Amino acid sequence: MIQRIQTIFLLLAGIAFAVSAVMSDMLWTEVLLGCLALLSLGNIFLFRKRPTQATLCTAAMALAIVYYIILAVQQPMLVWPMALPMVAVIFLFLARNRIVKDEKLVRSLDRIR
């Protein structure tokens, strides 16, 4: 589980979401970012279900983008804790790419057998 690079990416995304949630000053952002942190960290333990992992990464990225859209309407000025979810989105994107790559590798090895 820890040997996979996507585990590290998911862990870093969860940490970035959690730090951003702690530094947030609005309740709805704390709840949303906390849920995204739990989703990213919980996604690590689904290592046997790679398609589910990829879907959850995509869902977390979509929720983080919705967070930025809502935040842009409410508060147009960015401060550095608001940039952490974008870093987490990048980590989620990298993790999703590696998960899909692993799934393709497993499927190709299944064809050889």
N, C-alpha and C. Protein backbone atom coordinates (compact mmCIF):
# COMPACT_ATOMS: atom_id res chain seq x y z
N MET A 1 0.83 -1.18 0.00
CA MET A 1 0.00 0.00 0.00
C MET A 1 0.87 1.24 0.00
N ILE A 2 1.87 1.34 0.89
CA ILE A 2 2.68 2.54 0.95
C ILE A 2 3.71 2.58 -0.18
N GLN A 3 3.94 1.45 -0.85
CA GLN A 3 4.90 1.42 -1.93
C GLN A 3 4.40 2.19 -3.15
N ARG A 4 3.13 2.37 -3.24
CA ARG A 4 2.56 3.02 -4.41
C ARG A 4 2.67 4.52 -4.28
N ILE A 5 3.12 5.19 -5.34
CA ILE A 5 3.32 6.63 -5.30
C ILE A 5 1.99 7.36 -5.12
N GLN A 6 0.89 6.76 -5.62
CA GLN A 6 -0.39 7.44 -5.46
C GLN A 6 -0.82 7.51 -4.00
N THR A 7 -0.34 6.62 -3.17
CA THR A 7 -0.62 6.69 -1.74
C THR A 7 0.00 7.95 -1.15
N ILE A 8 1.21 8.25 -1.57
CA ILE A 8 1.88 9.46 -1.10
C ILE A 8 1.12 10.70 -1.59
N PHE A 9 0.70 10.69 -2.86
CA PHE A 9 -0.05 11.82 -3.40
C PHE A 9 -1.37 12.02 -2.66
N LEU A 10 -2.07 10.93 -2.37
CA LEU A 10 -3.34 11.03 -1.64
C LEU A 10 -3.11 11.52 -0.21
N LEU A 11 -2.03 11.08 0.42
CA LEU A 11 -1.71 11.53 1.77
C LEU A 11 -1.40 13.03 1.77
N LEU A 12 -0.61 13.49 0.80
CA LEU A 12 -0.29 14.91 0.71
C LEU A 12 -1.53 15.75 0.43
N ALA A 13 -2.42 15.24 -0.41
CA ALA A 13 -3.67 15.96 -0.69
C ALA A 13 -4.53 16.05 0.58
N GLY A 14 -4.62 14.97 1.32
CA GLY A 14 -5.38 14.98 2.57
C GLY A 14 -4.80 15.95 3.58
N ILE A 15 -3.48 16.00 3.67
CA ILE A 15 -2.83 16.94 4.59
C ILE A 15 -3.09 18.38 4.17
N ALA A 16 -3.00 18.64 2.86
CA ALA A 16 -3.24 20.01 2.37
C ALA A 16 -4.68 20.44 2.64
N PHE A 17 -5.64 19.53 2.40
CA PHE A 17 -7.04 19.86 2.70
C PHE A 17 -7.24 20.10 4.20
N ALA A 18 -6.62 19.27 5.04
CA ALA A 18 -6.79 19.39 6.49
C ALA A 18 -6.19 20.70 7.01
N VAL A 19 -5.01 21.06 6.54
CA VAL A 19 -4.38 22.31 6.97
C VAL A 19 -5.23 23.50 6.53
N SER A 20 -5.74 23.42 5.33
CA SER A 20 -6.59 24.51 4.83
C SER A 20 -7.89 24.60 5.64
N ALA A 21 -8.43 23.46 6.05
CA ALA A 21 -9.66 23.47 6.85
C ALA A 21 -9.41 24.08 8.22
N VAL A 22 -8.28 23.78 8.81
CA VAL A 22 -7.95 24.32 10.13
C VAL A 22 -7.74 25.83 10.05
N MET A 23 -7.16 26.30 8.96
CA MET A 23 -6.87 27.73 8.84
C MET A 23 -8.04 28.54 8.28
N SER A 24 -9.12 27.87 7.95
CA SER A 24 -10.27 28.56 7.39
C SER A 24 -11.03 29.31 8.48
N ASP A 25 -11.70 30.38 8.06
CA ASP A 25 -12.44 31.16 9.04
C ASP A 25 -13.96 31.06 8.86
N MET A 26 -14.40 30.38 7.83
CA MET A 26 -15.84 30.21 7.61
C MET A 26 -16.22 28.76 7.89
N LEU A 27 -17.38 28.56 8.48
CA LEU A 27 -17.81 27.22 8.88
C LEU A 27 -17.99 26.29 7.69
N TRP A 28 -18.65 26.77 6.64
CA TRP A 28 -18.93 25.89 5.50
C TRP A 28 -17.64 25.44 4.81
N THR A 29 -16.61 26.30 4.80
CA THR A 29 -15.35 25.88 4.19
C THR A 29 -14.63 24.87 5.07
N GLU A 30 -14.74 25.03 6.39
CA GLU A 30 -14.13 24.05 7.29
C GLU A 30 -14.75 22.68 7.09
N VAL A 31 -16.07 22.64 6.97
CA VAL A 31 -16.77 21.37 6.79
C VAL A 31 -16.42 20.75 5.44
N LEU A 32 -16.48 21.55 4.38
CA LEU A 32 -16.19 21.02 3.04
C LEU A 32 -14.76 20.54 2.93
N LEU A 33 -13.81 21.33 3.39
CA LEU A 33 -12.41 20.93 3.31
C LEU A 33 -12.10 19.76 4.23
N GLY A 34 -12.77 19.69 5.38
CA GLY A 34 -12.61 18.53 6.25
C GLY A 34 -13.11 17.25 5.61
N CYS A 35 -14.25 17.36 4.93
CA CYS A 35 -14.79 16.19 4.21
C CYS A 35 -13.86 15.77 3.08
N LEU A 36 -13.30 16.75 2.38
CA LEU A 36 -12.36 16.43 1.30
C LEU A 36 -11.08 15.79 1.85
N ALA A 37 -10.64 16.24 3.02
CA ALA A 37 -9.47 15.62 3.65
C ALA A 37 -9.76 14.17 4.02
N LEU A 38 -10.92 13.94 4.62
CA LEU A 38 -11.29 12.56 4.98
C LEU A 38 -11.46 11.68 3.74
N LEU A 39 -12.02 12.26 2.68
CA LEU A 39 -12.19 11.51 1.43
C LEU A 39 -10.83 11.12 0.84
N SER A 40 -9.90 12.05 0.85
CA SER A 40 -8.57 11.76 0.31
C SER A 40 -7.83 10.73 1.16
N LEU A 41 -7.90 10.89 2.47
CA LEU A 41 -7.20 9.94 3.34
C LEU A 41 -7.88 8.57 3.35
N GLY A 42 -9.21 8.56 3.29
CA GLY A 42 -9.93 7.28 3.23
C GLY A 42 -9.72 6.56 1.92
N ASN A 43 -9.44 7.32 0.88
CA ASN A 43 -9.22 6.75 -0.45
C ASN A 43 -7.95 5.90 -0.48
N ILE A 44 -7.03 6.15 0.43
CA ILE A 44 -5.79 5.37 0.49
C ILE A 44 -6.10 3.90 0.76
N PHE A 45 -7.11 3.63 1.59
CA PHE A 45 -7.40 2.26 2.00
C PHE A 45 -8.23 1.48 0.99
N LEU A 46 -8.55 2.08 -0.13
CA LEU A 46 -9.27 1.38 -1.20
C LEU A 46 -8.30 0.91 -2.27
N PHE A 47 -7.09 0.53 -1.87
CA PHE A 47 -6.06 0.20 -2.85
C PHE A 47 -6.38 -1.04 -3.68
N ARG A 48 -7.28 -1.87 -3.25
CA ARG A 48 -7.66 -3.04 -4.04
C ARG A 48 -8.75 -2.72 -5.05
N LYS A 49 -9.40 -1.58 -4.89
CA LYS A 49 -10.49 -1.18 -5.79
C LYS A 49 -10.05 0.07 -6.56
N ARG A 50 -9.18 -0.15 -7.53
CA ARG A 50 -8.61 0.98 -8.27
C ARG A 50 -9.63 1.80 -9.04
N PRO A 51 -10.64 1.21 -9.69
CA PRO A 51 -11.63 2.07 -10.36
C PRO A 51 -12.40 2.96 -9.39
N THR A 52 -12.70 2.44 -8.21
CA THR A 52 -13.38 3.25 -7.20
C THR A 52 -12.47 4.37 -6.72
N GLN A 53 -11.19 4.06 -6.57
CA GLN A 53 -10.23 5.08 -6.17
C GLN A 53 -10.17 6.21 -7.18
N ALA A 54 -10.11 5.86 -8.45
CA ALA A 54 -10.05 6.88 -9.50
C ALA A 54 -11.32 7.74 -9.50
N THR A 55 -12.46 7.12 -9.31
CA THR A 55 -13.73 7.86 -9.27
C THR A 55 -13.76 8.81 -8.08
N LEU A 56 -13.31 8.36 -6.92
CA LEU A 56 -13.30 9.23 -5.74
C LEU A 56 -12.31 10.38 -5.89
N CYS A 57 -11.19 10.13 -6.57
CA CYS A 57 -10.26 11.23 -6.84
C CYS A 57 -10.91 12.28 -7.73
N THR A 58 -11.63 11.83 -8.75
CA THR A 58 -12.32 12.76 -9.65
C THR A 58 -13.39 13.54 -8.89
N ALA A 59 -14.12 12.87 -8.02
CA ALA A 59 -15.17 13.54 -7.24
C ALA A 59 -14.56 14.57 -6.29
N ALA A 60 -13.44 14.24 -5.68
CA ALA A 60 -12.79 15.19 -4.77
C ALA A 60 -12.27 16.40 -5.54
N MET A 61 -11.73 16.16 -6.73
CA MET A 61 -11.27 17.29 -7.54
C MET A 61 -12.44 18.19 -7.94
N ALA A 62 -13.57 17.58 -8.30
CA ALA A 62 -14.75 18.37 -8.68
C ALA A 62 -15.26 19.19 -7.49
N LEU A 63 -15.30 18.59 -6.32
CA LEU A 63 -15.74 19.33 -5.13
C LEU A 63 -14.80 20.48 -4.78
N ALA A 64 -13.51 20.26 -4.97
CA ALA A 64 -12.56 21.34 -4.70
C ALA A 64 -12.73 22.48 -5.71
N ILE A 65 -13.05 22.17 -6.93
CA ILE A 65 -13.29 23.22 -7.94
C ILE A 65 -14.58 23.96 -7.62
N VAL A 66 -15.59 23.25 -7.16
CA VAL A 66 -16.83 23.92 -6.72
C VAL A 66 -16.53 24.84 -5.54
N TYR A 67 -15.67 24.40 -4.63
CA TYR A 67 -15.24 25.23 -3.51
C TYR A 67 -14.65 26.54 -4.01
N TYR A 68 -13.78 26.47 -5.02
CA TYR A 68 -13.17 27.69 -5.55
C TYR A 68 -14.17 28.59 -6.25
N ILE A 69 -15.14 28.01 -6.93
CA ILE A 69 -16.16 28.82 -7.60
C ILE A 69 -16.99 29.58 -6.55
N ILE A 70 -17.42 28.88 -5.51
CA ILE A 70 -18.20 29.53 -4.45
C ILE A 70 -17.35 30.57 -3.72
N LEU A 71 -16.10 30.24 -3.48
CA LEU A 71 -15.22 31.16 -2.78
C LEU A 71 -14.95 32.42 -3.60
N ALA A 72 -14.84 32.28 -4.91
CA ALA A 72 -14.60 33.45 -5.77
C ALA A 72 -15.78 34.41 -5.74
N VAL A 73 -16.97 33.88 -5.59
CA VAL A 73 -18.15 34.73 -5.51
C VAL A 73 -18.19 35.46 -4.17
N GLN A 74 -17.87 34.77 -3.09
CA GLN A 74 -17.98 35.36 -1.75
C GLN A 74 -16.79 36.24 -1.37
N GLN A 75 -15.61 35.79 -1.72
CA GLN A 75 -14.41 36.49 -1.28
C GLN A 75 -13.40 36.53 -2.43
N PRO A 76 -13.38 37.62 -3.21
CA PRO A 76 -12.53 37.65 -4.40
C PRO A 76 -11.03 37.71 -4.11
N MET A 77 -10.62 38.11 -2.91
CA MET A 77 -9.19 38.21 -2.61
C MET A 77 -8.69 36.90 -2.00
N LEU A 78 -7.61 36.37 -2.55
CA LEU A 78 -7.05 35.11 -2.06
C LEU A 78 -5.94 35.36 -1.06
N VAL A 79 -5.89 34.54 -0.04
CA VAL A 79 -4.77 34.50 0.89
C VAL A 79 -4.16 33.10 0.79
N TRP A 80 -2.98 32.90 1.33
CA TRP A 80 -2.27 31.65 1.06
C TRP A 80 -2.97 30.39 1.55
N PRO A 81 -3.73 30.36 2.65
CA PRO A 81 -4.40 29.10 2.99
C PRO A 81 -5.46 28.69 1.96
N MET A 82 -5.95 29.65 1.21
CA MET A 82 -6.93 29.31 0.17
C MET A 82 -6.27 28.68 -1.05
N ALA A 83 -4.96 28.79 -1.15
CA ALA A 83 -4.24 28.17 -2.27
C ALA A 83 -3.93 26.70 -2.00
N LEU A 84 -3.98 26.28 -0.75
CA LEU A 84 -3.67 24.89 -0.42
C LEU A 84 -4.62 23.87 -1.08
N PRO A 85 -5.94 24.15 -1.18
CA PRO A 85 -6.77 23.18 -1.89
C PRO A 85 -6.40 23.01 -3.36
N MET A 86 -5.85 24.05 -3.99
CA MET A 86 -5.41 23.90 -5.38
C MET A 86 -4.19 22.99 -5.46
N VAL A 87 -3.31 23.09 -4.48
CA VAL A 87 -2.18 22.17 -4.40
C VAL A 87 -2.69 20.74 -4.21
N ALA A 88 -3.71 20.59 -3.37
CA ALA A 88 -4.30 19.27 -3.14
C ALA A 88 -4.94 18.73 -4.41
N VAL A 89 -5.56 19.60 -5.21
CA VAL A 89 -6.15 19.17 -6.48
C VAL A 89 -5.06 18.64 -7.41
N ILE A 90 -3.92 19.30 -7.41
CA ILE A 90 -2.80 18.83 -8.25
C ILE A 90 -2.34 17.45 -7.78
N PHE A 91 -2.24 17.27 -6.45
CA PHE A 91 -1.87 15.95 -5.93
C PHE A 91 -2.92 14.89 -6.27
N LEU A 92 -4.19 15.25 -6.20
CA LEU A 92 -5.25 14.31 -6.57
C LEU A 92 -5.18 13.95 -8.04
N PHE A 93 -4.87 14.93 -8.87
CA PHE A 93 -4.73 14.68 -10.31
C PHE A 93 -3.57 13.71 -10.57
N LEU A 94 -2.45 13.93 -9.90
CA LEU A 94 -1.31 13.03 -10.06
C LEU A 94 -1.63 11.63 -9.55
N ALA A 95 -2.33 11.55 -8.42
CA ALA A 95 -2.72 10.25 -7.88
C ALA A 95 -3.66 9.52 -8.82
N ARG A 96 -4.63 10.24 -9.38
CA ARG A 96 -5.58 9.62 -10.30
C ARG A 96 -4.87 9.09 -11.53
N ASN A 97 -3.91 9.84 -12.05
CA ASN A 97 -3.16 9.37 -13.22
C ASN A 97 -2.40 8.09 -12.90
N ARG A 98 -1.81 8.01 -11.73
CA ARG A 98 -1.07 6.80 -11.35
C ARG A 98 -2.01 5.62 -11.09
N ILE A 99 -3.18 5.89 -10.54
CA ILE A 99 -4.16 4.82 -10.30
C ILE A 99 -4.62 4.24 -11.64
N VAL A 100 -4.91 5.10 -12.59
CA VAL A 100 -5.34 4.64 -13.91
C VAL A 100 -4.22 3.86 -14.58
N LYS A 101 -2.99 4.33 -14.42
CA LYS A 101 -1.83 3.62 -14.99
C LYS A 101 -1.69 2.23 -14.38
N ASP A 102 -1.87 2.12 -13.06
CA ASP A 102 -1.81 0.81 -12.38
C ASP A 102 -2.92 -0.12 -12.88
N GLU A 103 -4.12 0.44 -13.06
CA GLU A 103 -5.24 -0.38 -13.53
C GLU A 103 -4.97 -0.91 -14.93
N LYS A 104 -4.41 -0.08 -15.79
CA LYS A 104 -4.06 -0.54 -17.14
C LYS A 104 -3.00 -1.63 -17.09
N LEU A 105 -2.03 -1.49 -16.19
CA LEU A 105 -0.99 -2.50 -16.06
C LEU A 105 -1.56 -3.82 -15.58
N VAL A 106 -2.44 -3.79 -14.60
CA VAL A 106 -3.06 -5.01 -14.09
C VAL A 106 -3.91 -5.68 -15.16
N ARG A 107 -4.65 -4.89 -15.91
CA ARG A 107 -5.48 -5.46 -16.99
C ARG A 107 -4.63 -6.07 -18.09
N SER A 108 -3.50 -5.45 -18.40
CA SER A 108 -2.63 -6.01 -19.44
C SER A 108 -2.01 -7.31 -18.96
N LEU A 109 -1.68 -7.39 -17.68
CA LEU A 109 -1.11 -8.63 -17.14
C LEU A 109 -2.17 -9.73 -17.07
N ASP A 110 -3.44 -9.37 -16.86
CA ASP A 110 -4.51 -10.36 -16.86
C ASP A 110 -4.70 -10.95 -18.25
N ARG A 111 -4.48 -10.16 -19.29
CA ARG A 111 -4.62 -10.68 -20.65
C ARG A 111 -3.53 -11.68 -20.98
N ILE A 112 -2.35 -11.51 -20.41
CA ILE A 112 -1.24 -12.41 -20.70
C ILE A 112 -1.48 -13.79 -20.10
N ARG A 113 -2.13 -13.85 -18.95
CA ARG A 113 -2.36 -15.14 -18.28
C ARG A 113 -3.25 -15.99 -19.05
